[in-house]
Amino acid sequence: MNSETHFKGWAKPGPVPPRLAGTPSIAAARNVGVQALACSGDTLKRELQHAGTVPGAPLQVEPHETLDAISGHFRLFQLRDGHRFSTDDILTAWYGTTWCPSAHTALDLGSGIGTVGMICAWRLPGARFVTVEAQSDSVALAKKTARYNDVADRYEIREGDFRAPEILRAGEKFDLITGSPPYFPPDAGVKSEHPQKLACRFELRGTVADYCTTAAKHLAPGGFFACVFPHEPVQLARVEAGAREAGLVIVRKRPVVFREGDPPLIALFGMMRADDLPEWFRGQTWTEPDLIIRTRDGKIHPEYSAVKLAIGFPP
């Protein structure tokens, strides 16, 4: 065990992107049956140098960017001072892939820098993905991430508003659809001056109802739509109305508590098309026990540690 194959005693699981397989630390790890890579600065430099030797695919971490561990050996390009991936994104990907584990096709709506889609791609190595994002800066980062993780051949990134008819064709259907919609109307709260952060938090290009409507149009028979949204009563009513009006049934819901003893702030929602379900089932939602992120004393909750392991994160 060393700092290049383990992180605090934890070996990174899952596939090693081919562009990284020739780096000294990875090659050695694979020879002893360990597929892991630490986040040390020296290792990262070697990875990027190796990536830069691939014809036509030089990758640079620009001064305004960071390259951060995501799932297993996968990494994610982010703006240093822009929108950063969050627990909400992580949980959306976990929830969707947990309850639709056999998906062959997947769509991520409002995909941002690609957090949800990339975690899903790590968990569903045989699936093909389409992601849709309107902000060009986020699209550029997502494309770099897809190349870095060597999934670009099964991971299509489209730039545009997912509500526009030219972005998603009428006949395109997906087994799994994910989304982490912005939570607040444009006139609510204090707005960030950073355009990337602004669009991720405020409904500049659609509401949770728009996410539901688009998902309903593009779900394959028996498909599953997973999203995250605030759990407080007014917001909960919005997601329930959006699902109902789109012809979706919230088949399961998991409230999320960020600190044990507090009320849930967000919830994970799993939806299916009403037409794909027996009539007697359409009026019910299974509410799961709260998922607790941290215990009362601030430690990571044991269940959340297990969730993190399931998506290739250290516990």
C-alpha atoms as a PDB file:
ATOM      1  CA  MET A   1       0.000   0.000   0.000  1.00  0.00           C
ATOM      2  CA  ASN A   2       1.322   3.471  -0.886  1.00  0.00           C
ATOM      3  CA  SER A   3       0.054   6.988  -1.448  1.00  0.00           C
ATOM      4  CA  GLU A   4      -0.312   6.425  -5.182  1.00  0.00           C
ATOM      5  CA  THR A   5      -2.577   3.381  -4.955  1.00  0.00           C
ATOM      6  CA  HIS A   6      -4.614   4.201  -1.855  1.00  0.00           C
ATOM      7  CA  PHE A   7      -6.280   7.188  -0.284  1.00  0.00           C
ATOM      8  CA  LYS A   8      -6.321   6.986   3.510  1.00  0.00           C
ATOM      9  CA  GLY A   9      -6.381   3.201   3.356  1.00  0.00           C
ATOM     10  CA  TRP A  10      -8.988   3.007   0.571  1.00  0.00           C
ATOM     11  CA  ALA A  11      -8.158   1.629  -2.889  1.00  0.00           C
ATOM     12  CA  LYS A  12     -10.003   3.276  -5.735  1.00  0.00           C
ATOM     13  CA  PRO A  13     -12.252   0.762  -7.532  1.00  0.00           C
ATOM     14  CA  GLY A  14     -13.486   0.494 -11.078  1.00  0.00           C
ATOM     15  CA  PRO A  15     -11.995   0.944 -14.538  1.00  0.00           C
ATOM     16  CA  VAL A  16      -8.766   2.793 -15.190  1.00  0.00           C
ATOM     17  CA  PRO A  17      -9.154   5.089 -18.214  1.00  0.00           C
ATOM     18  CA  PRO A  18      -6.834   3.768 -20.964  1.00  0.00           C
ATOM     19  CA  ARG A  19      -4.954   7.062 -21.166  1.00  0.00           C
ATOM     20  CA  LEU A  20      -3.916   6.565 -17.522  1.00  0.00           C
ATOM     21  CA  ALA A  21      -3.091   2.863 -17.730  1.00  0.00           C
ATOM     22  CA  GLY A  22       0.503   3.551 -18.766  1.00  0.00           C
ATOM     23  CA  THR A  23       1.393   5.872 -15.932  1.00  0.00           C
ATOM     24  CA  PRO A  24       3.884   4.259 -13.526  1.00  0.00           C
ATOM     25  CA  SER A  25       1.593   4.306 -10.520  1.00  0.00           C
ATOM     26  CA  ILE A  26      -1.364   2.789 -12.373  1.00  0.00           C
ATOM     27  CA  ALA A  27       0.688   0.169 -14.179  1.00  0.00           C
ATOM     28  CA  ALA A  28       2.184  -0.981 -10.905  1.00  0.00           C
ATOM     29  CA  ALA A  29      -1.196  -1.035  -9.229  1.00  0.00           C
ATOM     30  CA  ARG A  30      -2.721  -3.145 -11.976  1.00  0.00           C
ATOM     31  CA  ASN A  31       0.158  -5.613 -11.827  1.00  0.00           C
ATOM     32  CA  VAL A  32      -0.683  -6.362  -8.202  1.00  0.00           C
ATOM     33  CA  GLY A  33      -4.426  -6.378  -8.797  1.00  0.00           C
ATOM     34  CA  VAL A  34      -5.108  -2.952  -7.298  1.00  0.00           C
ATOM     35  CA  GLN A  35      -6.843  -0.360  -9.472  1.00  0.00           C
ATOM     36  CA  ALA A  36      -6.340   2.772  -7.482  1.00  0.00           C
ATOM     37  CA  LEU A  37      -4.845   6.206  -7.795  1.00  0.00           C
ATOM     38  CA  ALA A  38      -4.166   8.796  -5.148  1.00  0.00           C
ATOM     39  CA  CYS A  39      -4.780  12.502  -5.620  1.00  0.00           C
ATOM     40  CA  SER A  40      -1.194  13.592  -5.022  1.00  0.00           C
ATOM     41  CA  GLY A  41       0.153  16.520  -6.990  1.00  0.00           C
ATOM     42  CA  ASP A  42       3.032  14.499  -8.494  1.00  0.00           C
ATOM     43  CA  THR A  43       0.701  11.772  -9.699  1.00  0.00           C
ATOM     44  CA  LEU A  44      -1.662  14.309 -11.222  1.00  0.00           C
ATOM     45  CA  LYS A  45       1.217  15.918 -13.123  1.00  0.00           C
ATOM     46  CA  ARG A  46       2.259  12.542 -14.531  1.00  0.00           C
ATOM     47  CA  GLU A  47      -1.328  11.801 -15.580  1.00  0.00           C
ATOM     48  CA  LEU A  48      -1.626  15.061 -17.456  1.00  0.00           C
ATOM     49  CA  GLN A  49       1.755  14.613 -19.092  1.00  0.00           C
ATOM     50  CA  HIS A  50       0.703  11.153 -20.236  1.00  0.00           C
ATOM     51  CA  ALA A  51      -2.653  12.472 -21.428  1.00  0.00           C
ATOM     52  CA  GLY A  52      -0.849  15.137 -23.414  1.00  0.00           C
ATOM     53  CA  THR A  53       1.060  12.463 -25.385  1.00  0.00           C
ATOM     54  CA  VAL A  54      -2.152  11.065 -26.871  1.00  0.00           C
ATOM     55  CA  PRO A  55      -2.386  12.348 -30.464  1.00  0.00           C
ATOM     56  CA  GLY A  56      -5.012  15.054 -30.841  1.00  0.00           C
ATOM     57  CA  ALA A  57      -5.936  15.041 -27.184  1.00  0.00           C
ATOM     58  CA  PRO A  58      -3.771  17.404 -25.162  1.00  0.00           C
ATOM     59  CA  LEU A  59      -5.444  18.218 -21.876  1.00  0.00           C
ATOM     60  CA  GLN A  60      -4.478  21.126 -19.687  1.00  0.00           C
ATOM     61  CA  VAL A  61      -5.686  22.211 -16.281  1.00  0.00           C
ATOM     62  CA  GLU A  62      -5.922  25.941 -16.840  1.00  0.00           C
ATOM     63  CA  PRO A  63      -5.138  28.356 -13.991  1.00  0.00           C
ATOM     64  CA  HIS A  64      -8.853  29.041 -13.479  1.00  0.00           C
ATOM     65  CA  GLU A  65      -9.701  25.311 -13.375  1.00  0.00           C
ATOM     66  CA  THR A  66      -9.233  22.366 -11.054  1.00  0.00           C
ATOM     67  CA  LEU A  67      -9.213  18.646 -11.815  1.00  0.00           C
ATOM     68  CA  ASP A  68     -10.878  16.758  -8.986  1.00  0.00           C
ATOM     69  CA  ALA A  69     -11.482  13.133  -8.065  1.00  0.00           C
ATOM     70  CA  ILE A  70     -15.042  11.983  -8.717  1.00  0.00           C
ATOM     71  CA  SER A  71     -15.756   8.223  -9.005  1.00  0.00           C
ATOM     72  CA  GLY A  72     -12.971   5.669  -8.779  1.00  0.00           C
ATOM     73  CA  HIS A  73     -10.266   6.811 -11.178  1.00  0.00           C
ATOM     74  CA  PHE A  74     -12.574   9.285 -12.927  1.00  0.00           C
ATOM     75  CA  ARG A  75     -11.890  12.974 -12.513  1.00  0.00           C
ATOM     76  CA  LEU A  76     -13.886  16.124 -13.163  1.00  0.00           C
ATOM     77  CA  PHE A  77     -12.803  19.495 -14.560  1.00  0.00           C
ATOM     78  CA  GLN A  78     -14.343  22.407 -12.638  1.00  0.00           C
ATOM     79  CA  LEU A  79     -13.929  26.171 -12.515  1.00  0.00           C
ATOM     80  CA  ARG A  80     -11.938  27.180  -9.490  1.00  0.00           C
ATOM     81  CA  ASP A  81     -14.409  29.963  -8.630  1.00  0.00           C
ATOM     82  CA  GLY A  82     -17.484  28.693 -10.453  1.00  0.00           C
ATOM     83  CA  HIS A  83     -20.123  26.080  -9.760  1.00  0.00           C
ATOM     84  CA  ARG A  84     -18.651  23.072  -7.939  1.00  0.00           C
ATOM     85  CA  PHE A  85     -20.230  19.647  -7.669  1.00  0.00           C
ATOM     86  CA  SER A  86     -22.385  19.104  -4.609  1.00  0.00           C
ATOM     87  CA  THR A  87     -23.913  16.411  -2.434  1.00  0.00           C
ATOM     88  CA  ASP A  88     -27.182  16.958  -4.327  1.00  0.00           C
ATOM     89  CA  ASP A  89     -25.500  15.933  -7.604  1.00  0.00           C
ATOM     90  CA  ILE A  90     -23.810  12.915  -6.053  1.00  0.00           C
ATOM     91  CA  LEU A  91     -27.040  11.647  -4.550  1.00  0.00           C
ATOM     92  CA  THR A  92     -29.014  12.125  -7.769  1.00  0.00           C
ATOM     93  CA  ALA A  93     -26.573   9.912  -9.655  1.00  0.00           C
ATOM     94  CA  TRP A  94     -26.549   7.314  -6.890  1.00  0.00           C
ATOM     95  CA  TYR A  95     -30.349   7.215  -6.649  1.00  0.00           C
ATOM     96  CA  GLY A  96     -30.930   6.932 -10.378  1.00  0.00           C
ATOM     97  CA  THR A  97     -28.394   4.181 -10.961  1.00  0.00           C
ATOM     98  CA  THR A  98     -29.457   2.311  -7.828  1.00  0.00           C
ATOM     99  CA  TRP A  99     -33.089   2.040  -8.911  1.00  0.00           C
ATOM    100  CA  CYS A 100     -32.396   1.627 -12.631  1.00  0.00           C
ATOM    101  CA  PRO A 101     -29.283  -0.574 -12.575  1.00  0.00           C
ATOM    102  CA  SER A 102     -29.846  -2.205 -15.974  1.00  0.00           C
ATOM    103  CA  ALA A 103     -30.078   0.997 -18.041  1.00  0.00           C
ATOM    104  CA  HIS A 104     -28.551   0.781 -21.508  1.00  0.00           C
ATOM    105  CA  THR A 105     -29.366   4.370 -22.442  1.00  0.00           C
ATOM    106  CA  ALA A 106     -29.301   7.406 -20.163  1.00  0.00           C
ATOM    107  CA  LEU A 107     -30.074  11.118 -20.424  1.00  0.00           C
ATOM    108  CA  ASP A 108     -28.958  13.839 -18.019  1.00  0.00           C
ATOM    109  CA  LEU A 109     -30.945  17.081 -18.233  1.00  0.00           C
ATOM    110  CA  GLY A 110     -29.312  20.395 -17.366  1.00  0.00           C
ATOM    111  CA  SER A 111     -26.081  18.492 -16.945  1.00  0.00           C
ATOM    112  CA  GLY A 112     -23.816  21.399 -15.975  1.00  0.00           C
ATOM    113  CA  ILE A 113     -20.180  20.390 -15.714  1.00  0.00           C
ATOM    114  CA  GLY A 114     -21.166  16.730 -15.955  1.00  0.00           C
ATOM    115  CA  THR A 115     -21.111  15.526 -12.351  1.00  0.00           C
ATOM    116  CA  VAL A 116     -24.319  13.475 -12.420  1.00  0.00           C
ATOM    117  CA  GLY A 117     -23.713  12.054 -15.864  1.00  0.00           C
ATOM    118  CA  MET A 118     -20.109  11.113 -15.148  1.00  0.00           C
ATOM    119  CA  ILE A 119     -20.937   9.283 -11.914  1.00  0.00           C
ATOM    120  CA  CYS A 120     -23.720   7.460 -13.749  1.00  0.00           C
ATOM    121  CA  ALA A 121     -21.301   6.550 -16.550  1.00  0.00           C
ATOM    122  CA  TRP A 122     -18.889   5.129 -13.972  1.00  0.00           C
ATOM    123  CA  ARG A 123     -21.661   3.024 -12.407  1.00  0.00           C
ATOM    124  CA  LEU A 124     -23.156   1.960 -15.767  1.00  0.00           C
ATOM    125  CA  PRO A 125     -20.114   1.066 -17.874  1.00  0.00           C
ATOM    126  CA  GLY A 126     -22.212  -0.516 -20.620  1.00  0.00           C
ATOM    127  CA  ALA A 127     -24.648   2.367 -21.061  1.00  0.00           C
ATOM    128  CA  ARG A 128     -24.673   5.115 -23.679  1.00  0.00           C
ATOM    129  CA  PHE A 129     -25.284   8.661 -22.499  1.00  0.00           C
ATOM    130  CA  VAL A 130     -26.682  11.916 -23.805  1.00  0.00           C
ATOM    131  CA  THR A 131     -26.283  15.012 -21.649  1.00  0.00           C
ATOM    132  CA  VAL A 132     -27.783  18.437 -22.330  1.00  0.00           C
ATOM    133  CA  GLU A 133     -26.428  21.731 -21.009  1.00  0.00           C
ATOM    134  CA  ALA A 134     -27.063  25.322 -22.110  1.00  0.00           C
ATOM    135  CA  GLN A 135     -23.980  27.069 -20.717  1.00  0.00           C
ATOM    136  CA  SER A 136     -21.017  26.924 -23.078  1.00  0.00           C
ATOM    137  CA  ASP A 137     -18.429  27.161 -20.262  1.00  0.00           C
ATOM    138  CA  SER A 138     -19.929  24.137 -18.549  1.00  0.00           C
ATOM    139  CA  VAL A 139     -20.142  22.219 -21.824  1.00  0.00           C
ATOM    140  CA  ALA A 140     -16.449  22.863 -22.480  1.00  0.00           C
ATOM    141  CA  LEU A 141     -15.514  21.519 -19.042  1.00  0.00           C
ATOM    142  CA  ALA A 142     -17.738  18.465 -19.484  1.00  0.00           C
ATOM    143  CA  LYS A 143     -16.121  17.663 -22.812  1.00  0.00           C
ATOM    144  CA  LYS A 144     -12.661  17.813 -21.261  1.00  0.00           C
ATOM    145  CA  THR A 145     -13.851  15.513 -18.477  1.00  0.00           C
ATOM    146  CA  ALA A 146     -15.306  12.994 -20.935  1.00  0.00           C
ATOM    147  CA  ARG A 147     -12.016  12.899 -22.855  1.00  0.00           C
ATOM    148  CA  TYR A 148      -9.952  12.623 -19.693  1.00  0.00           C
ATOM    149  CA  ASN A 149     -12.012   9.649 -18.494  1.00  0.00           C
ATOM    150  CA  ASP A 150     -12.078   8.098 -21.987  1.00  0.00           C
ATOM    151  CA  VAL A 151     -15.839   7.781 -22.210  1.00  0.00           C
ATOM    152  CA  ALA A 152     -16.404  10.183 -25.127  1.00  0.00           C
ATOM    153  CA  ASP A 153     -17.297   7.313 -27.473  1.00  0.00           C
ATOM    154  CA  ARG A 154     -20.418   6.569 -25.402  1.00  0.00           C
ATOM    155  CA  TYR A 155     -21.031   9.977 -23.873  1.00  0.00           C
ATOM    156  CA  GLU A 156     -22.607  12.612 -26.132  1.00  0.00           C
ATOM    157  CA  ILE A 157     -22.728  16.188 -24.823  1.00  0.00           C
ATOM    158  CA  ARG A 158     -25.246  18.506 -26.474  1.00  0.00           C
ATOM    159  CA  GLU A 159     -25.217  22.246 -25.979  1.00  0.00           C
ATOM    160  CA  GLY A 160     -28.599  23.943 -25.731  1.00  0.00           C
ATOM    161  CA  ASP A 161     -31.845  24.290 -23.819  1.00  0.00           C
ATOM    162  CA  PHE A 162     -33.376  20.843 -23.360  1.00  0.00           C
ATOM    163  CA  ARG A 163     -36.821  22.361 -23.927  1.00  0.00           C
ATOM    164  CA  ALA A 164     -35.884  23.273 -27.518  1.00  0.00           C
ATOM    165  CA  PRO A 165     -37.260  20.741 -30.027  1.00  0.00           C
ATOM    166  CA  GLU A 166     -33.999  20.533 -31.974  1.00  0.00           C
ATOM    167  CA  ILE A 167     -31.998  19.355 -28.934  1.00  0.00           C
ATOM    168  CA  LEU A 168     -33.846  16.118 -28.209  1.00  0.00           C
ATOM    169  CA  ARG A 169     -35.585  14.377 -31.095  1.00  0.00           C
ATOM    170  CA  ALA A 170     -39.152  13.196 -30.532  1.00  0.00           C
ATOM    171  CA  GLY A 171     -38.274   9.534 -30.937  1.00  0.00           C
ATOM    172  CA  GLU A 172     -35.292   9.487 -28.592  1.00  0.00           C
ATOM    173  CA  LYS A 173     -36.014   7.312 -25.570  1.00  0.00           C
ATOM    174  CA  PHE A 174     -33.890   6.534 -22.530  1.00  0.00           C
ATOM    175  CA  ASP A 175     -34.049   3.884 -19.817  1.00  0.00           C
ATOM    176  CA  LEU A 176     -32.742   6.301 -17.188  1.00  0.00           C
ATOM    177  CA  ILE A 177     -33.155  10.076 -17.053  1.00  0.00           C
ATOM    178  CA  THR A 178     -31.562  12.195 -14.346  1.00  0.00           C
ATOM    179  CA  GLY A 179     -31.772  15.849 -13.409  1.00  0.00           C
ATOM    180  CA  SER A 180     -30.813  18.212 -10.616  1.00  0.00           C
ATOM    181  CA  PRO A 181     -33.008  21.223 -11.416  1.00  0.00           C
ATOM    182  CA  PRO A 182     -32.330  24.713 -10.081  1.00  0.00           C
ATOM    183  CA  TYR A 183     -34.362  25.209  -6.948  1.00  0.00           C
ATOM    184  CA  PHE A 184     -35.499  28.837  -6.967  1.00  0.00           C
ATOM    185  CA  PRO A 185     -37.536  31.188  -9.177  1.00  0.00           C
ATOM    186  CA  PRO A 186     -35.517  34.053 -10.685  1.00  0.00           C
ATOM    187  CA  ASP A 187     -36.937  36.597  -8.231  1.00  0.00           C
ATOM    188  CA  ALA A 188     -36.092  34.587  -5.100  1.00  0.00           C
ATOM    189  CA  GLY A 189     -33.013  34.973  -2.909  1.00  0.00           C
ATOM    190  CA  VAL A 190     -29.649  36.649  -3.315  1.00  0.00           C
ATOM    191  CA  LYS A 191     -28.209  36.025  -6.748  1.00  0.00           C
ATOM    192  CA  SER A 192     -24.584  35.170  -7.470  1.00  0.00           C
ATOM    193  CA  GLU A 193     -22.680  37.391  -9.861  1.00  0.00           C
ATOM    194  CA  HIS A 194     -21.067  34.321 -11.425  1.00  0.00           C
ATOM    195  CA  PRO A 195     -23.249  33.266 -14.407  1.00  0.00           C
ATOM    196  CA  GLN A 196     -22.462  29.581 -13.970  1.00  0.00           C
ATOM    197  CA  LYS A 197     -23.530  29.580 -10.322  1.00  0.00           C
ATOM    198  CA  LEU A 198     -26.578  31.707 -11.121  1.00  0.00           C
ATOM    199  CA  ALA A 199     -27.987  29.289 -13.684  1.00  0.00           C
ATOM    200  CA  CYS A 200     -27.416  26.298 -11.415  1.00  0.00           C
ATOM    201  CA  ARG A 201     -29.441  27.795  -8.555  1.00  0.00           C
ATOM    202  CA  PHE A 202     -32.130  29.878 -10.246  1.00  0.00           C
ATOM    203  CA  GLU A 203     -34.700  28.872 -12.848  1.00  0.00           C
ATOM    204  CA  LEU A 204     -33.335  30.802 -15.808  1.00  0.00           C
ATOM    205  CA  ARG A 205     -34.097  28.033 -18.315  1.00  0.00           C
ATOM    206  CA  GLY A 206     -37.005  26.069 -16.975  1.00  0.00           C
ATOM    207  CA  THR A 207     -38.481  24.762 -13.752  1.00  0.00           C
ATOM    208  CA  VAL A 208     -38.785  21.374 -12.142  1.00  0.00           C
ATOM    209  CA  ALA A 209     -42.046  21.037 -14.092  1.00  0.00           C
ATOM    210  CA  ASP A 210     -40.082  21.418 -17.336  1.00  0.00           C
ATOM    211  CA  TYR A 211     -37.713  18.676 -16.216  1.00  0.00           C
ATOM    212  CA  CYS A 212     -40.692  16.412 -15.530  1.00  0.00           C
ATOM    213  CA  THR A 213     -42.328  17.216 -18.872  1.00  0.00           C
ATOM    214  CA  THR A 214     -39.150  16.510 -20.831  1.00  0.00           C
ATOM    215  CA  ALA A 215     -38.459  13.325 -18.899  1.00  0.00           C
ATOM    216  CA  ALA A 216     -41.978  12.031 -19.543  1.00  0.00           C
ATOM    217  CA  LYS A 217     -41.535  12.577 -23.297  1.00  0.00           C
ATOM    218  CA  HIS A 218     -38.253  10.724 -23.481  1.00  0.00           C
ATOM    219  CA  LEU A 219     -38.559   7.842 -21.038  1.00  0.00           C
ATOM    220  CA  ALA A 220     -38.403   4.420 -22.644  1.00  0.00           C
ATOM    221  CA  PRO A 221     -41.143   1.964 -21.618  1.00  0.00           C
ATOM    222  CA  GLY A 222     -40.596   1.180 -17.956  1.00  0.00           C
ATOM    223  CA  GLY A 223     -37.953   3.903 -17.709  1.00  0.00           C
ATOM    224  CA  PHE A 224     -36.987   5.735 -14.522  1.00  0.00           C
ATOM    225  CA  PHE A 225     -36.542   9.458 -13.873  1.00  0.00           C
ATOM    226  CA  ALA A 226     -34.480  10.484 -10.835  1.00  0.00           C
ATOM    227  CA  CYS A 227     -34.183  14.046  -9.606  1.00  0.00           C
ATOM    228  CA  VAL A 228     -33.465  16.076  -6.488  1.00  0.00           C
ATOM    229  CA  PHE A 229     -35.474  19.011  -5.154  1.00  0.00           C
ATOM    230  CA  PRO A 230     -36.117  20.813  -1.851  1.00  0.00           C
ATOM    231  CA  HIS A 231     -38.343  18.979   0.615  1.00  0.00           C
ATOM    232  CA  GLU A 232     -40.030  21.896   2.390  1.00  0.00           C
ATOM    233  CA  PRO A 233     -43.815  21.978   1.767  1.00  0.00           C
ATOM    234  CA  VAL A 234     -44.043  24.688  -0.906  1.00  0.00           C
ATOM    235  CA  GLN A 235     -41.219  23.183  -2.954  1.00  0.00           C
ATOM    236  CA  LEU A 236     -42.468  19.651  -2.424  1.00  0.00           C
ATOM    237  CA  ALA A 237     -45.840  20.723  -3.831  1.00  0.00           C
ATOM    238  CA  ARG A 238     -44.092  22.062  -6.931  1.00  0.00           C
ATOM    239  CA  VAL A 239     -42.340  18.805  -7.776  1.00  0.00           C
ATOM    240  CA  GLU A 240     -45.508  16.799  -7.055  1.00  0.00           C
ATOM    241  CA  ALA A 241     -47.541  19.057  -9.347  1.00  0.00           C
ATOM    242  CA  GLY A 242     -44.882  18.908 -12.047  1.00  0.00           C
ATOM    243  CA  ALA A 243     -44.878  15.128 -11.979  1.00  0.00           C
ATOM    244  CA  ARG A 244     -48.656  14.868 -12.005  1.00  0.00           C
ATOM    245  CA  GLU A 245     -49.092  17.306 -14.905  1.00  0.00           C
ATOM    246  CA  ALA A 246     -46.459  15.465 -16.934  1.00  0.00           C
ATOM    247  CA  GLY A 247     -48.152  12.116 -16.435  1.00  0.00           C
ATOM    248  CA  LEU A 248     -45.496  10.810 -14.062  1.00  0.00           C
ATOM    249  CA  VAL A 249     -45.904   8.942 -10.794  1.00  0.00           C
ATOM    250  CA  ILE A 250     -43.458   9.501  -7.953  1.00  0.00           C
ATOM    251  CA  VAL A 251     -42.980   5.852  -7.109  1.00  0.00           C
ATOM    252  CA  ARG A 252     -40.447   6.458  -4.369  1.00  0.00           C
ATOM    253  CA  LYS A 253     -39.016   9.368  -2.397  1.00  0.00           C
ATOM    254  CA  ARG A 254     -36.017   9.610  -0.071  1.00  0.00           C
ATOM    255  CA  PRO A 255     -35.799  12.670   2.214  1.00  0.00           C
ATOM    256  CA  VAL A 256     -32.236  13.782   2.937  1.00  0.00           C
ATOM    257  CA  VAL A 257     -31.142  15.131   6.329  1.00  0.00           C
ATOM    258  CA  PHE A 258     -27.806  16.915   6.319  1.00  0.00           C
ATOM    259  CA  ARG A 259     -27.375  16.737  10.094  1.00  0.00           C
ATOM    260  CA  GLU A 260     -29.047  14.176  12.332  1.00  0.00           C
ATOM    261  CA  GLY A 261     -31.934  15.752  14.237  1.00  0.00           C
ATOM    262  CA  ASP A 262     -32.595  18.458  11.637  1.00  0.00           C
ATOM    263  CA  PRO A 263     -35.544  18.361   9.231  1.00  0.00           C
ATOM    264  CA  PRO A 264     -34.846  17.133   5.686  1.00  0.00           C
ATOM    265  CA  LEU A 265     -33.841  19.946   3.352  1.00  0.00           C
ATOM    266  CA  ILE A 266     -33.956  18.059   0.062  1.00  0.00           C
ATOM    267  CA  ALA A 267     -35.379  14.819  -1.231  1.00  0.00           C
ATOM    268  CA  LEU A 268     -34.577  12.361  -3.984  1.00  0.00           C
ATOM    269  CA  PHE A 269     -37.484  11.452  -6.247  1.00  0.00           C
ATOM    270  CA  GLY A 270     -37.905   8.394  -8.449  1.00  0.00           C
ATOM    271  CA  MET A 271     -40.600   8.660 -11.107  1.00  0.00           C
ATOM    272  CA  MET A 272     -42.103   6.536 -13.844  1.00  0.00           C
ATOM    273  CA  ARG A 273     -44.699   7.191 -16.521  1.00  0.00           C
ATOM    274  CA  ALA A 274     -48.204   6.543 -15.208  1.00  0.00           C
ATOM    275  CA  ASP A 275     -49.035   4.639 -18.401  1.00  0.00           C
ATOM    276  CA  ASP A 276     -46.286   2.147 -17.570  1.00  0.00           C
ATOM    277  CA  LEU A 277     -47.823   1.241 -14.207  1.00  0.00           C
ATOM    278  CA  PRO A 278     -50.957  -0.651 -13.112  1.00  0.00           C
ATOM    279  CA  GLU A 279     -53.831   1.693 -12.291  1.00  0.00           C
ATOM    280  CA  TRP A 280     -53.925   0.638  -8.634  1.00  0.00           C
ATOM    281  CA  PHE A 281     -50.262   1.647  -8.237  1.00  0.00           C
ATOM    282  CA  ARG A 282     -50.479   5.132  -9.739  1.00  0.00           C
ATOM    283  CA  GLY A 283     -51.733   6.902  -6.632  1.00  0.00           C
ATOM    284  CA  GLN A 284     -49.041   5.844  -4.192  1.00  0.00           C
ATOM    285  CA  THR A 285     -45.501   6.880  -3.282  1.00  0.00           C
ATOM    286  CA  TRP A 286     -43.175   4.850  -1.120  1.00  0.00           C
ATOM    287  CA  THR A 287     -41.435   7.268   1.248  1.00  0.00           C
ATOM    288  CA  GLU A 288     -38.155   5.767   2.357  1.00  0.00           C
ATOM    289  CA  PRO A 289     -36.458   6.452   5.695  1.00  0.00           C
ATOM    290  CA  ASP A 290     -34.445   9.658   5.845  1.00  0.00           C
ATOM    291  CA  LEU A 291     -30.930   9.452   4.453  1.00  0.00           C
ATOM    292  CA  ILE A 292     -28.699  11.130   7.048  1.00  0.00           C
ATOM    293  CA  ILE A 293     -25.465  12.707   5.842  1.00  0.00           C
ATOM    294  CA  ARG A 294     -23.847  13.565   9.192  1.00  0.00           C
ATOM    295  CA  THR A 295     -24.501  12.373  12.724  1.00  0.00           C
ATOM    296  CA  ARG A 296     -25.257  14.743  15.602  1.00  0.00           C
ATOM    297  CA  ASP A 297     -21.563  15.026  16.419  1.00  0.00           C
ATOM    298  CA  GLY A 298     -20.659  15.949  12.834  1.00  0.00           C
ATOM    299  CA  LYS A 299     -19.252  12.610  11.676  1.00  0.00           C
ATOM    300  CA  ILE A 300     -20.190  11.018   8.370  1.00  0.00           C
ATOM    301  CA  HIS A 301     -23.220   8.797   8.944  1.00  0.00           C
ATOM    302  CA  PRO A 302     -22.513   5.066   8.389  1.00  0.00           C
ATOM    303  CA  GLU A 303     -25.149   4.770   5.674  1.00  0.00           C
ATOM    304  CA  TYR A 304     -23.798   7.764   3.782  1.00  0.00           C
ATOM    305  CA  SER A 305     -20.326   6.214   3.981  1.00  0.00           C
ATOM    306  CA  ALA A 306     -21.787   3.135   2.307  1.00  0.00           C
ATOM    307  CA  VAL A 307     -23.460   5.321  -0.343  1.00  0.00           C
ATOM    308  CA  LYS A 308     -20.130   6.997  -1.073  1.00  0.00           C
ATOM    309  CA  LEU A 309     -18.424   3.636  -1.513  1.00  0.00           C
ATOM    310  CA  ALA A 310     -21.137   2.628  -3.982  1.00  0.00           C
ATOM    311  CA  ILE A 311     -20.296   5.554  -6.275  1.00  0.00           C
ATOM    312  CA  GLY A 312     -16.540   5.214  -6.049  1.00  0.00           C
ATOM    313  CA  PHE A 313     -15.928   7.797  -3.317  1.00  0.00           C
ATOM    314  CA  PRO A 314     -13.817   7.206  -0.202  1.00  0.00           C
ATOM    315  CA  PRO A 315     -16.055   6.583   2.816  1.00  0.00           C
END
